[in-house]
Amino acid sequence: MGAKQGCHGGDGEEPVRRIQVSGYRLSACTVTNAQFRNFVEATDHQTTAEAFGWSFVFDPTSASLDQPGS
């Protein structure tokens, strides 16, 4: 798990490392936006990006798919 040095150091993906993951389940189908919205409404779920106020993957204020404000 992780990324090679030089990617996006602030995203917590460095260094490459071995991890163990407890059991988990995968669905045969992807979750639709409507299903996710229903889940959020039923559980008051907040994504990490919402909690932090930005996302390394997508920053809606700049429409960047890189770092916030870039």
N, C-alpha and C. Protein backbone atom coordinates (compact mmCIF):
# COMPACT_ATOMS: atom_id res chain seq x y z
N MET A 1 0.85 -1.17 0.00
CA MET A 1 0.00 0.00 0.00
C MET A 1 0.89 1.23 0.00
N GLY A 2 0.37 2.34 -0.51
CA GLY A 2 1.12 3.58 -0.52
C GLY A 2 1.58 3.94 -1.91
N ALA A 3 2.36 4.98 -1.97
CA ALA A 3 2.85 5.48 -3.25
C ALA A 3 4.34 5.73 -3.15
N LYS A 4 4.99 5.68 -4.30
CA LYS A 4 6.41 6.00 -4.33
C LYS A 4 6.61 7.47 -4.00
N GLN A 5 7.72 7.78 -3.43
CA GLN A 5 8.04 9.15 -3.06
C GLN A 5 7.94 10.06 -4.28
N GLY A 6 7.46 11.28 -4.05
CA GLY A 6 7.37 12.24 -5.13
C GLY A 6 5.98 12.37 -5.72
N CYS A 7 5.03 11.56 -5.26
CA CYS A 7 3.67 11.70 -5.77
C CYS A 7 3.06 12.94 -5.12
N HIS A 8 2.20 12.77 -4.16
CA HIS A 8 1.59 13.88 -3.42
C HIS A 8 1.85 13.62 -1.94
N GLY A 9 2.96 14.07 -1.45
CA GLY A 9 3.38 13.77 -0.09
C GLY A 9 2.35 14.08 0.98
N GLY A 10 1.54 15.09 0.79
CA GLY A 10 0.56 15.46 1.80
C GLY A 10 -0.67 14.59 1.85
N ASP A 11 -0.80 13.63 0.93
CA ASP A 11 -2.02 12.84 0.90
C ASP A 11 -1.97 11.61 1.80
N GLY A 12 -0.85 11.41 2.50
CA GLY A 12 -0.74 10.29 3.43
C GLY A 12 -0.48 8.95 2.78
N GLU A 13 -0.17 8.92 1.49
CA GLU A 13 0.04 7.67 0.79
C GLU A 13 1.49 7.18 0.84
N GLU A 14 2.41 8.02 1.27
CA GLU A 14 3.81 7.62 1.34
C GLU A 14 4.15 7.15 2.74
N PRO A 15 5.06 6.30 2.94
CA PRO A 15 5.81 5.53 1.96
C PRO A 15 5.04 4.27 1.58
N VAL A 16 5.54 3.55 0.56
CA VAL A 16 4.99 2.25 0.24
C VAL A 16 5.23 1.35 1.44
N ARG A 17 4.22 0.62 1.86
CA ARG A 17 4.34 -0.22 3.05
C ARG A 17 3.38 -1.39 2.99
N ARG A 18 3.69 -2.43 3.73
CA ARG A 18 2.83 -3.61 3.82
C ARG A 18 1.82 -3.38 4.94
N ILE A 19 0.56 -3.73 4.68
CA ILE A 19 -0.48 -3.60 5.70
C ILE A 19 -1.31 -4.88 5.75
N GLN A 20 -2.11 -5.03 6.80
CA GLN A 20 -3.07 -6.12 6.89
C GLN A 20 -4.44 -5.49 7.01
N VAL A 21 -5.38 -6.08 6.31
CA VAL A 21 -6.75 -5.58 6.31
C VAL A 21 -7.65 -6.67 6.86
N SER A 22 -8.51 -6.30 7.80
CA SER A 22 -9.45 -7.28 8.32
C SER A 22 -10.48 -7.60 7.23
N GLY A 23 -11.29 -8.59 7.48
CA GLY A 23 -12.27 -9.01 6.50
C GLY A 23 -13.19 -7.88 6.06
N TYR A 24 -13.62 -7.93 4.83
CA TYR A 24 -14.54 -6.95 4.29
C TYR A 24 -15.36 -7.60 3.20
N ARG A 25 -16.43 -6.93 2.80
CA ARG A 25 -17.31 -7.47 1.77
C ARG A 25 -17.33 -6.53 0.57
N LEU A 26 -17.45 -7.12 -0.60
CA LEU A 26 -17.59 -6.37 -1.83
C LEU A 26 -18.92 -6.72 -2.47
N SER A 27 -19.56 -5.72 -3.02
CA SER A 27 -20.81 -5.95 -3.73
C SER A 27 -20.52 -6.36 -5.15
N ALA A 28 -21.42 -7.10 -5.74
CA ALA A 28 -21.26 -7.49 -7.13
C ALA A 28 -21.49 -6.31 -8.07
N CYS A 29 -22.17 -5.28 -7.58
CA CYS A 29 -22.49 -4.10 -8.39
C CYS A 29 -21.96 -2.85 -7.70
N THR A 30 -21.68 -1.83 -8.48
CA THR A 30 -21.26 -0.56 -7.90
C THR A 30 -22.43 0.14 -7.24
N VAL A 31 -22.13 1.08 -6.38
CA VAL A 31 -23.16 1.88 -5.73
C VAL A 31 -23.50 3.06 -6.64
N THR A 32 -24.76 3.27 -6.88
CA THR A 32 -25.16 4.41 -7.71
C THR A 32 -25.13 5.68 -6.86
N ASN A 33 -25.14 6.83 -7.51
CA ASN A 33 -25.21 8.10 -6.79
C ASN A 33 -26.47 8.16 -5.95
N ALA A 34 -27.59 7.67 -6.48
CA ALA A 34 -28.85 7.69 -5.74
C ALA A 34 -28.76 6.80 -4.49
N GLN A 35 -28.15 5.64 -4.61
CA GLN A 35 -27.99 4.75 -3.45
C GLN A 35 -27.10 5.41 -2.40
N PHE A 36 -26.03 6.05 -2.84
CA PHE A 36 -25.15 6.72 -1.89
C PHE A 36 -25.87 7.87 -1.20
N ARG A 37 -26.65 8.65 -1.96
CA ARG A 37 -27.43 9.75 -1.38
C ARG A 37 -28.40 9.20 -0.32
N ASN A 38 -29.07 8.09 -0.62
CA ASN A 38 -29.98 7.49 0.36
C ASN A 38 -29.23 7.06 1.61
N PHE A 39 -28.05 6.48 1.44
CA PHE A 39 -27.21 6.09 2.58
C PHE A 39 -26.83 7.30 3.42
N VAL A 40 -26.40 8.37 2.76
CA VAL A 40 -26.00 9.59 3.47
C VAL A 40 -27.18 10.16 4.24
N GLU A 41 -28.33 10.22 3.61
CA GLU A 41 -29.52 10.77 4.27
C GLU A 41 -29.96 9.91 5.45
N ALA A 42 -29.82 8.59 5.33
CA ALA A 42 -30.26 7.69 6.40
C ALA A 42 -29.29 7.65 7.57
N THR A 43 -28.01 7.93 7.32
CA THR A 43 -27.00 7.76 8.37
C THR A 43 -26.28 9.05 8.77
N ASP A 44 -26.56 10.16 8.06
CA ASP A 44 -25.83 11.41 8.27
C ASP A 44 -24.33 11.24 8.04
N HIS A 45 -23.98 10.31 7.17
CA HIS A 45 -22.57 10.05 6.85
C HIS A 45 -21.92 11.31 6.29
N GLN A 46 -20.69 11.55 6.69
CA GLN A 46 -19.90 12.66 6.15
C GLN A 46 -18.59 12.09 5.63
N THR A 47 -18.28 12.40 4.38
CA THR A 47 -17.04 11.90 3.80
C THR A 47 -15.85 12.61 4.43
N THR A 48 -14.68 12.03 4.27
CA THR A 48 -13.46 12.66 4.78
C THR A 48 -13.27 14.02 4.12
N ALA A 49 -13.53 14.10 2.83
CA ALA A 49 -13.38 15.37 2.11
C ALA A 49 -14.31 16.43 2.68
N GLU A 50 -15.54 16.05 3.01
CA GLU A 50 -16.47 17.01 3.61
C GLU A 50 -15.99 17.44 4.99
N ALA A 51 -15.50 16.50 5.76
CA ALA A 51 -15.03 16.81 7.12
C ALA A 51 -13.83 17.76 7.08
N PHE A 52 -12.91 17.54 6.13
CA PHE A 52 -11.72 18.38 6.01
C PHE A 52 -12.00 19.68 5.28
N GLY A 53 -13.05 19.69 4.47
CA GLY A 53 -13.38 20.87 3.69
C GLY A 53 -12.71 20.91 2.33
N TRP A 54 -11.98 19.86 1.97
CA TRP A 54 -11.36 19.76 0.65
C TRP A 54 -10.96 18.31 0.42
N SER A 55 -10.55 18.02 -0.80
CA SER A 55 -10.12 16.67 -1.15
C SER A 55 -8.89 16.73 -2.03
N PHE A 56 -7.96 15.83 -1.83
CA PHE A 56 -6.80 15.73 -2.69
C PHE A 56 -7.21 15.27 -4.09
N VAL A 57 -8.30 14.54 -4.17
CA VAL A 57 -8.74 14.00 -5.45
C VAL A 57 -9.43 15.07 -6.28
N PHE A 58 -10.29 15.86 -5.66
CA PHE A 58 -11.03 16.88 -6.41
C PHE A 58 -11.30 18.08 -5.52
N ASP A 59 -10.93 19.24 -5.99
CA ASP A 59 -11.17 20.49 -5.28
C ASP A 59 -12.21 21.28 -6.08
N PRO A 60 -13.48 21.28 -5.64
CA PRO A 60 -14.53 21.92 -6.42
C PRO A 60 -14.35 23.43 -6.59
N THR A 61 -13.59 24.07 -5.73
CA THR A 61 -13.41 25.52 -5.86
C THR A 61 -12.52 25.88 -7.02
N SER A 62 -11.69 24.95 -7.47
CA SER A 62 -10.81 25.25 -8.60
C SER A 62 -10.99 24.26 -9.74
N ALA A 63 -11.87 23.28 -9.55
CA ALA A 63 -12.09 22.22 -10.54
C ALA A 63 -10.79 21.48 -10.85
N SER A 64 -9.88 21.44 -9.89
CA SER A 64 -8.61 20.75 -10.08
C SER A 64 -8.71 19.32 -9.63
N LEU A 65 -8.09 18.43 -10.35
CA LEU A 65 -8.02 17.04 -9.94
C LEU A 65 -6.68 16.75 -9.27
N ASP A 66 -6.09 17.77 -8.70
CA ASP A 66 -4.76 17.63 -8.09
C ASP A 66 -4.85 18.09 -6.65
N GLN A 67 -4.15 19.12 -6.28
CA GLN A 67 -4.14 19.64 -4.93
C GLN A 67 -5.08 20.83 -4.83
N PRO A 68 -5.63 21.10 -3.65
CA PRO A 68 -6.55 22.20 -3.48
C PRO A 68 -5.93 23.54 -3.90
N GLY A 69 -6.71 24.31 -4.62
CA GLY A 69 -6.27 25.65 -5.00
C GLY A 69 -5.27 25.68 -6.13
N SER A 70 -4.96 24.54 -6.72
CA SER A 70 -3.96 24.54 -7.81
C SER A 70 -4.62 24.84 -9.14
